[in-house]
Structure formats: structure tokens, C-alpha cells
PDB file of N, CA and C in Angstrom:
ATOM      1  N   UNK A   1     -22.028  15.338  11.967  1.00  0.00           N
ATOM      2  CA  UNK A   1     -21.146  14.471  12.714  1.00  0.00           C
ATOM      3  C   UNK A   1     -19.951  14.081  11.828  1.00  0.00           C
ATOM      4  N   UNK A   2     -18.708  14.211  12.322  1.00  0.00           N
ATOM      5  CA  UNK A   2     -17.540  13.867  11.502  1.00  0.00           C
ATOM      6  C   UNK A   2     -17.474  12.360  11.237  1.00  0.00           C
ATOM      7  N   UNK A   3     -17.033  12.041  10.059  1.00  0.00           N
ATOM      8  CA  UNK A   3     -16.892  10.646   9.667  1.00  0.00           C
ATOM      9  C   UNK A   3     -15.495  10.147  10.036  1.00  0.00           C
ATOM     10  N   UNK A   4     -15.421   8.943  10.580  1.00  0.00           N
ATOM     11  CA  UNK A   4     -14.117   8.359  10.891  1.00  0.00           C
ATOM     12  C   UNK A   4     -13.472   7.873   9.602  1.00  0.00           C
ATOM     13  N   UNK A   5     -12.203   8.183   9.458  1.00  0.00           N
ATOM     14  CA  UNK A   5     -11.443   7.736   8.286  1.00  0.00           C
ATOM     15  C   UNK A   5     -10.339   6.813   8.744  1.00  0.00           C
ATOM     16  N   UNK A   6     -10.020   5.846   7.908  1.00  0.00           N
ATOM     17  CA  UNK A   6      -8.925   4.930   8.167  1.00  0.00           C
ATOM     18  C   UNK A   6      -8.059   4.920   6.905  1.00  0.00           C
ATOM     19  N   UNK A   7      -6.782   5.047   7.101  1.00  0.00           N
ATOM     20  CA  UNK A   7      -5.824   5.034   5.993  1.00  0.00           C
ATOM     21  C   UNK A   7      -4.838   3.911   6.240  1.00  0.00           C
ATOM     22  N   UNK A   8      -4.395   3.295   5.176  1.00  0.00           N
ATOM     23  CA  UNK A   8      -3.521   2.136   5.270  1.00  0.00           C
ATOM     24  C   UNK A   8      -2.232   2.380   4.508  1.00  0.00           C
ATOM     25  N   UNK A   9      -1.122   2.125   5.153  1.00  0.00           N
ATOM     26  CA  UNK A   9       0.175   2.035   4.490  1.00  0.00           C
ATOM     27  C   UNK A   9       0.401   0.547   4.287  1.00  0.00           C
ATOM     28  N   UNK A  10       0.807   0.147   3.108  1.00  0.00           N
ATOM     29  CA  UNK A  10       0.984  -1.274   2.853  1.00  0.00           C
ATOM     30  C   UNK A  10       2.205  -1.510   1.976  1.00  0.00           C
ATOM     31  N   UNK A  11       2.727  -2.727   2.048  1.00  0.00           N
ATOM     32  CA  UNK A  11       3.828  -3.148   1.190  1.00  0.00           C
ATOM     33  C   UNK A  11       3.403  -4.448   0.531  1.00  0.00           C
ATOM     34  N   UNK A  12       3.518  -4.482  -0.787  1.00  0.00           N
ATOM     35  CA  UNK A  12       3.284  -5.712  -1.542  1.00  0.00           C
ATOM     36  C   UNK A  12       4.602  -6.118  -2.189  1.00  0.00           C
ATOM     37  N   UNK A  13       4.765  -7.419  -2.397  1.00  0.00           N
ATOM     38  CA  UNK A  13       6.005  -7.952  -2.953  1.00  0.00           C
ATOM     39  C   UNK A  13       5.704  -8.872  -4.129  1.00  0.00           C
ATOM     40  N   UNK A  14       6.701  -9.016  -4.975  1.00  0.00           N
ATOM     41  CA  UNK A  14       6.632  -9.989  -6.065  1.00  0.00           C
ATOM     42  C   UNK A  14       7.308 -11.280  -5.606  1.00  0.00           C
ATOM     43  N   UNK A  15       7.199 -12.311  -6.386  1.00  0.00           N
ATOM     44  CA  UNK A  15       7.878 -13.572  -6.075  1.00  0.00           C
ATOM     45  C   UNK A  15       9.395 -13.402  -6.063  1.00  0.00           C
ATOM     46  N   UNK A  16       9.907 -12.440  -6.844  1.00  0.00           N
ATOM     47  CA  UNK A  16      11.358 -12.234  -6.920  1.00  0.00           C
ATOM     48  C   UNK A  16      11.869 -11.270  -5.867  1.00  0.00           C
ATOM     49  N   UNK A  17      10.970 -10.719  -5.029  1.00  0.00           N
ATOM     50  CA  UNK A  17      11.403  -9.856  -3.937  1.00  0.00           C
ATOM     51  C   UNK A  17      11.305  -8.368  -4.199  1.00  0.00           C
ATOM     52  N   UNK A  18      10.772  -7.961  -5.340  1.00  0.00           N
ATOM     53  CA  UNK A  18      10.553  -6.542  -5.597  1.00  0.00           C
ATOM     54  C   UNK A  18       9.439  -6.048  -4.686  1.00  0.00           C
ATOM     55  N   UNK A  19       9.653  -4.887  -4.070  1.00  0.00           N
ATOM     56  CA  UNK A  19       8.683  -4.338  -3.133  1.00  0.00           C
ATOM     57  C   UNK A  19       8.035  -3.072  -3.679  1.00  0.00           C
ATOM     58  N   UNK A  20       6.785  -2.870  -3.306  1.00  0.00           N
ATOM     59  CA  UNK A  20       6.059  -1.652  -3.633  1.00  0.00           C
ATOM     60  C   UNK A  20       5.392  -1.156  -2.355  1.00  0.00           C
ATOM     61  N   UNK A  21       5.588   0.119  -2.035  1.00  0.00           N
ATOM     62  CA  UNK A  21       4.980   0.749  -0.870  1.00  0.00           C
ATOM     63  C   UNK A  21       3.832   1.622  -1.354  1.00  0.00           C
ATOM     64  N   UNK A  22       2.659   1.456  -0.772  1.00  0.00           N
ATOM     65  CA  UNK A  22       1.503   2.244  -1.180  1.00  0.00           C
ATOM     66  C   UNK A  22       0.668   2.678   0.010  1.00  0.00           C
ATOM     67  N   UNK A  23      -0.297   3.530  -0.283  1.00  0.00           N
ATOM     68  CA  UNK A  23      -1.226   4.010   0.729  1.00  0.00           C
ATOM     69  C   UNK A  23      -2.629   4.012   0.126  1.00  0.00           C
ATOM     70  N   UNK A  24      -3.623   3.691   0.947  1.00  0.00           N
ATOM     71  CA  UNK A  24      -5.000   3.622   0.469  1.00  0.00           C
ATOM     72  C   UNK A  24      -5.966   3.870   1.620  1.00  0.00           C
ATOM     73  N   UNK A  25      -7.200   4.146   1.277  1.00  0.00           N
ATOM     74  CA  UNK A  25      -8.232   4.240   2.315  1.00  0.00           C
ATOM     75  C   UNK A  25      -9.105   2.985   2.331  1.00  0.00           C
ATOM     76  N   UNK A  26      -8.768   2.000   1.490  1.00  0.00           N
ATOM     77  CA  UNK A  26      -9.498   0.726   1.469  1.00  0.00           C
ATOM     78  C   UNK A  26      -8.508  -0.395   1.156  1.00  0.00           C
ATOM     79  N   UNK A  27      -7.983  -1.017   2.197  1.00  0.00           N
ATOM     80  CA  UNK A  27      -6.958  -2.047   1.999  1.00  0.00           C
ATOM     81  C   UNK A  27      -7.496  -3.252   1.228  1.00  0.00           C
ATOM     82  N   UNK A  28      -8.723  -3.665   1.507  1.00  0.00           N
ATOM     83  CA  UNK A  28      -9.289  -4.820   0.796  1.00  0.00           C
ATOM     84  C   UNK A  28      -9.405  -4.560  -0.698  1.00  0.00           C
ATOM     85  N   UNK A  29      -9.945  -3.387  -1.054  1.00  0.00           N
ATOM     86  CA  UNK A  29     -10.090  -3.030  -2.474  1.00  0.00           C
ATOM     87  C   UNK A  29      -8.733  -2.953  -3.153  1.00  0.00           C
ATOM     88  N   UNK A  30      -7.776  -2.275  -2.502  1.00  0.00           N
ATOM     89  CA  UNK A  30      -6.479  -2.073  -3.150  1.00  0.00           C
ATOM     90  C   UNK A  30      -5.727  -3.382  -3.358  1.00  0.00           C
ATOM     91  N   UNK A  31      -5.744  -4.275  -2.387  1.00  0.00           N
ATOM     92  CA  UNK A  31      -5.052  -5.545  -2.566  1.00  0.00           C
ATOM     93  C   UNK A  31      -5.723  -6.366  -3.659  1.00  0.00           C
ATOM     94  N   UNK A  32      -7.041  -6.320  -3.736  1.00  0.00           N
ATOM     95  CA  UNK A  32      -7.753  -6.994  -4.835  1.00  0.00           C
ATOM     96  C   UNK A  32      -7.309  -6.417  -6.178  1.00  0.00           C
ATOM     97  N   UNK A  33      -7.124  -5.097  -6.259  1.00  0.00           N
ATOM     98  CA  UNK A  33      -6.649  -4.462  -7.499  1.00  0.00           C
ATOM     99  C   UNK A  33      -5.247  -4.928  -7.847  1.00  0.00           C
ATOM    100  N   UNK A  34      -4.381  -5.074  -6.855  1.00  0.00           N
ATOM    101  CA  UNK A  34      -3.029  -5.593  -7.121  1.00  0.00           C
ATOM    102  C   UNK A  34      -3.114  -7.031  -7.624  1.00  0.00           C
ATOM    103  N   UNK A  35      -3.961  -7.831  -7.002  1.00  0.00           N
ATOM    104  CA  UNK A  35      -4.053  -9.245  -7.379  1.00  0.00           C
ATOM    105  C   UNK A  35      -4.634  -9.456  -8.773  1.00  0.00           C
ATOM    106  N   UNK A  36      -5.622  -8.629  -9.156  1.00  0.00           N
ATOM    107  CA  UNK A  36      -6.221  -8.831 -10.484  1.00  0.00           C
ATOM    108  C   UNK A  36      -5.592  -7.959 -11.569  1.00  0.00           C
ATOM    109  N   UNK A  37      -4.568  -7.175 -11.203  1.00  0.00           N
ATOM    110  CA  UNK A  37      -3.811  -6.409 -12.193  1.00  0.00           C
ATOM    111  C   UNK A  37      -4.449  -5.100 -12.611  1.00  0.00           C
ATOM    112  N   UNK A  38      -5.500  -4.650 -11.939  1.00  0.00           N
ATOM    113  CA  UNK A  38      -6.129  -3.391 -12.340  1.00  0.00           C
ATOM    114  C   UNK A  38      -5.414  -2.168 -11.769  1.00  0.00           C
ATOM    115  N   UNK A  39      -4.499  -2.370 -10.806  1.00  0.00           N
ATOM    116  CA  UNK A  39      -3.711  -1.258 -10.272  1.00  0.00           C
ATOM    117  C   UNK A  39      -2.464  -1.159 -11.136  1.00  0.00           C
ATOM    118  N   UNK A  40      -2.492  -0.278 -12.127  1.00  0.00           N
ATOM    119  CA  UNK A  40      -1.437  -0.188 -13.136  1.00  0.00           C
ATOM    120  C   UNK A  40      -0.223   0.576 -12.612  1.00  0.00           C
ATOM    121  N   UNK A  41       0.898   0.371 -13.263  1.00  0.00           N
ATOM    122  CA  UNK A  41       2.126   1.081 -12.913  1.00  0.00           C
ATOM    123  C   UNK A  41       3.209   0.113 -12.457  1.00  0.00           C
ATOM    124  N   UNK A  42       4.096   0.611 -11.603  1.00  0.00           N
ATOM    125  CA  UNK A  42       5.248  -0.154 -11.136  1.00  0.00           C
ATOM    126  C   UNK A  42       4.835  -1.506 -10.555  1.00  0.00           C
ATOM    127  N   UNK A  43       3.871  -1.504  -9.648  1.00  0.00           N
ATOM    128  CA  UNK A  43       3.466  -2.738  -8.973  1.00  0.00           C
ATOM    129  C   UNK A  43       2.962  -3.773  -9.975  1.00  0.00           C
ATOM    130  N   UNK A  44       2.206  -3.338 -10.952  1.00  0.00           N
ATOM    131  CA  UNK A  44       1.695  -4.248 -11.972  1.00  0.00           C
ATOM    132  C   UNK A  44       2.829  -4.756 -12.862  1.00  0.00           C
ATOM    133  N   UNK A  45       3.709  -3.860 -13.272  1.00  0.00           N
ATOM    134  CA  UNK A  45       4.830  -4.212 -14.151  1.00  0.00           C
ATOM    135  C   UNK A  45       5.708  -5.288 -13.525  1.00  0.00           C
ATOM    136  N   UNK A  46       5.932  -5.197 -12.214  1.00  0.00           N
ATOM    137  CA  UNK A  46       6.819  -6.134 -11.529  1.00  0.00           C
ATOM    138  C   UNK A  46       6.066  -7.206 -10.735  1.00  0.00           C
ATOM    139  N   UNK A  47       4.769  -7.335 -10.964  1.00  0.00           N
ATOM    140  CA  UNK A  47       3.927  -8.377 -10.348  1.00  0.00           C
ATOM    141  C   UNK A  47       3.994  -8.359  -8.822  1.00  0.00           C
ATOM    142  N   UNK A  48       3.950  -7.169  -8.255  1.00  0.00           N
ATOM    143  CA  UNK A  48       3.910  -7.025  -6.793  1.00  0.00           C
ATOM    144  C   UNK A  48       2.461  -7.187  -6.349  1.00  0.00           C
ATOM    145  N   UNK A  49       2.116  -8.382  -5.910  1.00  0.00           N
ATOM    146  CA  UNK A  49       0.709  -8.641  -5.571  1.00  0.00           C
ATOM    147  C   UNK A  49       0.538  -9.450  -4.287  1.00  0.00           C
ATOM    148  N   UNK A  50       1.606  -9.583  -3.516  1.00  0.00           N
ATOM    149  CA  UNK A  50       1.533 -10.321  -2.250  1.00  0.00           C
ATOM    150  C   UNK A  50       1.686  -9.351  -1.087  1.00  0.00           C
ATOM    151  N   UNK A  51       0.659  -9.221  -0.297  1.00  0.00           N
ATOM    152  CA  UNK A  51       0.677  -8.305   0.841  1.00  0.00           C
ATOM    153  C   UNK A  51       1.639  -8.846   1.897  1.00  0.00           C
ATOM    154  N   UNK A  52       2.668  -8.061   2.238  1.00  0.00           N
ATOM    155  CA  UNK A  52       3.651  -8.512   3.221  1.00  0.00           C
ATOM    156  C   UNK A  52       3.672  -7.647   4.480  1.00  0.00           C
ATOM    157  N   UNK A  53       3.052  -6.462   4.432  1.00  0.00           N
ATOM    158  CA  UNK A  53       3.006  -5.592   5.607  1.00  0.00           C
ATOM    159  C   UNK A  53       1.873  -4.587   5.436  1.00  0.00           C
ATOM    160  N   UNK A  54       1.221  -4.233   6.569  1.00  0.00           N
ATOM    161  CA  UNK A  54       0.221  -3.172   6.542  1.00  0.00           C
ATOM    162  C   UNK A  54       0.140  -2.528   7.908  1.00  0.00           C
ATOM    163  N   UNK A  55      -0.196  -1.246   7.913  1.00  0.00           N
ATOM    164  CA  UNK A  55      -0.427  -0.475   9.138  1.00  0.00           C
ATOM    165  C   UNK A  55      -1.620   0.417   8.896  1.00  0.00           C
ATOM    166  N   UNK A  56      -2.429   0.636   9.916  1.00  0.00           N
ATOM    167  CA  UNK A  56      -3.565   1.549   9.771  1.00  0.00           C
ATOM    168  C   UNK A  56      -3.297   2.834  10.539  1.00  0.00           C
ATOM    169  N   UNK A  57      -3.856   3.922  10.024  1.00  0.00           N
ATOM    170  CA  UNK A  57      -3.702   5.248  10.602  1.00  0.00           C
ATOM    171  C   UNK A  57      -5.042   5.959  10.575  1.00  0.00           C
ATOM    172  N   UNK A  58      -5.269   6.806  11.564  1.00  0.00           N
ATOM    173  CA  UNK A  58      -6.469   7.636  11.590  1.00  0.00           C
ATOM    174  C   UNK A  58      -6.234   8.984  10.913  1.00  0.00           C
ATOM    175  N   UNK A  59      -4.971   9.327  10.690  1.00  0.00           N
ATOM    176  CA  UNK A  59      -4.585  10.620  10.116  1.00  0.00           C
ATOM    177  C   UNK A  59      -3.806  10.377   8.832  1.00  0.00           C
ATOM    178  N   UNK A  60      -4.297  10.908   7.726  1.00  0.00           N
ATOM    179  CA  UNK A  60      -3.662  10.675   6.433  1.00  0.00           C
ATOM    180  C   UNK A  60      -2.222  11.183   6.423  1.00  0.00           C
ATOM    181  N   UNK A  61      -1.933  12.265   7.129  1.00  0.00           N
ATOM    182  CA  UNK A  61      -0.561  12.794   7.156  1.00  0.00           C
ATOM    183  C   UNK A  61       0.394  11.816   7.826  1.00  0.00           C
ATOM    184  N   UNK A  62      -0.072  11.128   8.850  1.00  0.00           N
ATOM    185  CA  UNK A  62       0.772  10.134   9.515  1.00  0.00           C
ATOM    186  C   UNK A  62       1.051   8.957   8.589  1.00  0.00           C
ATOM    187  N   UNK A  63       0.071   8.564   7.824  1.00  0.00           N
ATOM    188  CA  UNK A  63       0.260   7.475   6.863  1.00  0.00           C
ATOM    189  C   UNK A  63       1.273   7.874   5.793  1.00  0.00           C
ATOM    190  N   UNK A  64       1.157   9.093   5.291  1.00  0.00           N
ATOM    191  CA  UNK A  64       2.088   9.583   4.275  1.00  0.00           C
ATOM    192  C   UNK A  64       3.498   9.659   4.840  1.00  0.00           C
ATOM    193  N   UNK A  65       3.639  10.212   6.035  1.00  0.00           N
ATOM    194  CA  UNK A  65       4.959  10.325   6.661  1.00  0.00           C
ATOM    195  C   UNK A  65       5.589   8.957   6.890  1.00  0.00           C
ATOM    196  N   UNK A  66       4.792   7.999   7.315  1.00  0.00           N
ATOM    197  CA  UNK A  66       5.300   6.651   7.533  1.00  0.00           C
ATOM    198  C   UNK A  66       5.757   6.030   6.212  1.00  0.00           C
ATOM    199  N   UNK A  67       4.991   6.245   5.159  1.00  0.00           N
ATOM    200  CA  UNK A  67       5.371   5.742   3.834  1.00  0.00           C
ATOM    201  C   UNK A  67       6.670   6.348   3.352  1.00  0.00           C
ATOM    202  N   UNK A  68       6.854   7.639   3.572  1.00  0.00           N
ATOM    203  CA  UNK A  68       8.097   8.309   3.178  1.00  0.00           C
ATOM    204  C   UNK A  68       9.274   7.751   3.964  1.00  0.00           C
ATOM    205  N   UNK A  69       9.073   7.472   5.254  1.00  0.00           N
ATOM    206  CA  UNK A  69      10.141   6.910   6.084  1.00  0.00           C
ATOM    207  C   UNK A  69      10.542   5.522   5.563  1.00  0.00           C
ATOM    208  N   UNK A  70       9.564   4.715   5.192  1.00  0.00           N
ATOM    209  CA  UNK A  70       9.854   3.379   4.651  1.00  0.00           C
ATOM    210  C   UNK A  70      10.632   3.509   3.349  1.00  0.00           C
ATOM    211  N   UNK A  71      10.216   4.414   2.487  1.00  0.00           N
ATOM    212  CA  UNK A  71      10.908   4.580   1.203  1.00  0.00           C
ATOM    213  C   UNK A  71      12.342   5.041   1.384  1.00  0.00           C
ATOM    214  N   UNK A  72      12.610   5.854   2.411  1.00  0.00           N
ATOM    215  CA  UNK A  72      13.982   6.304   2.669  1.00  0.00           C
ATOM    216  C   UNK A  72      14.870   5.141   3.072  1.00  0.00           C
ATOM    217  N   UNK A  73      14.296   4.098   3.657  1.00  0.00           N
ATOM    218  CA  UNK A  73      15.078   2.930   4.074  1.00  0.00           C
ATOM    219  C   UNK A  73      15.497   2.066   2.897  1.00  0.00           C
ATOM    220  N   UNK A  74      14.777   2.188   1.801  1.00  0.00           N
ATOM    221  CA  UNK A  74      15.043   1.333   0.636  1.00  0.00           C
ATOM    222  C   UNK A  74      16.314   1.735  -0.094  1.00  0.00           C
TER     223      UNK A  74
END
């Protein structure tokens, strides 16, 4: 039996307004990683740890395409 998958496109922000766009298959885990600093890289460097937007997708390609569209707007 096929397993249902859920993918999340999300945006986290810093207090100064820096935004980070990401994708995950576990929104709760990923936001916890942003909040406790274990998600290293750009988001950690700029303290992007406040969830400001999220969308769920059943198809990983749709989530990726949506993320690319958001990044083009920046």
C-alpha cells in the first residue's frame, strides 16, 4: 500500500526582516530545528526562526516549484 507523503514549503523570518524559504517533510521538526539553532547555514546565521508562512503539498515537485516561484519574487 502506498504511503501518503506531505511536504511543506515554509518561510521563516528574523527580527530584522531577513527571510529564509525552505522545504521539509516535517514542519514541526524543522521549525524546532530553526528555533534551537540546529538547522545550520543561512537561516541560523541570520537568526531566521519565526515561522511566517507555510503551505502543504502532496507532491514534492509542486513544493519545489512553489519554493522556486517564491525565491524569484525576492
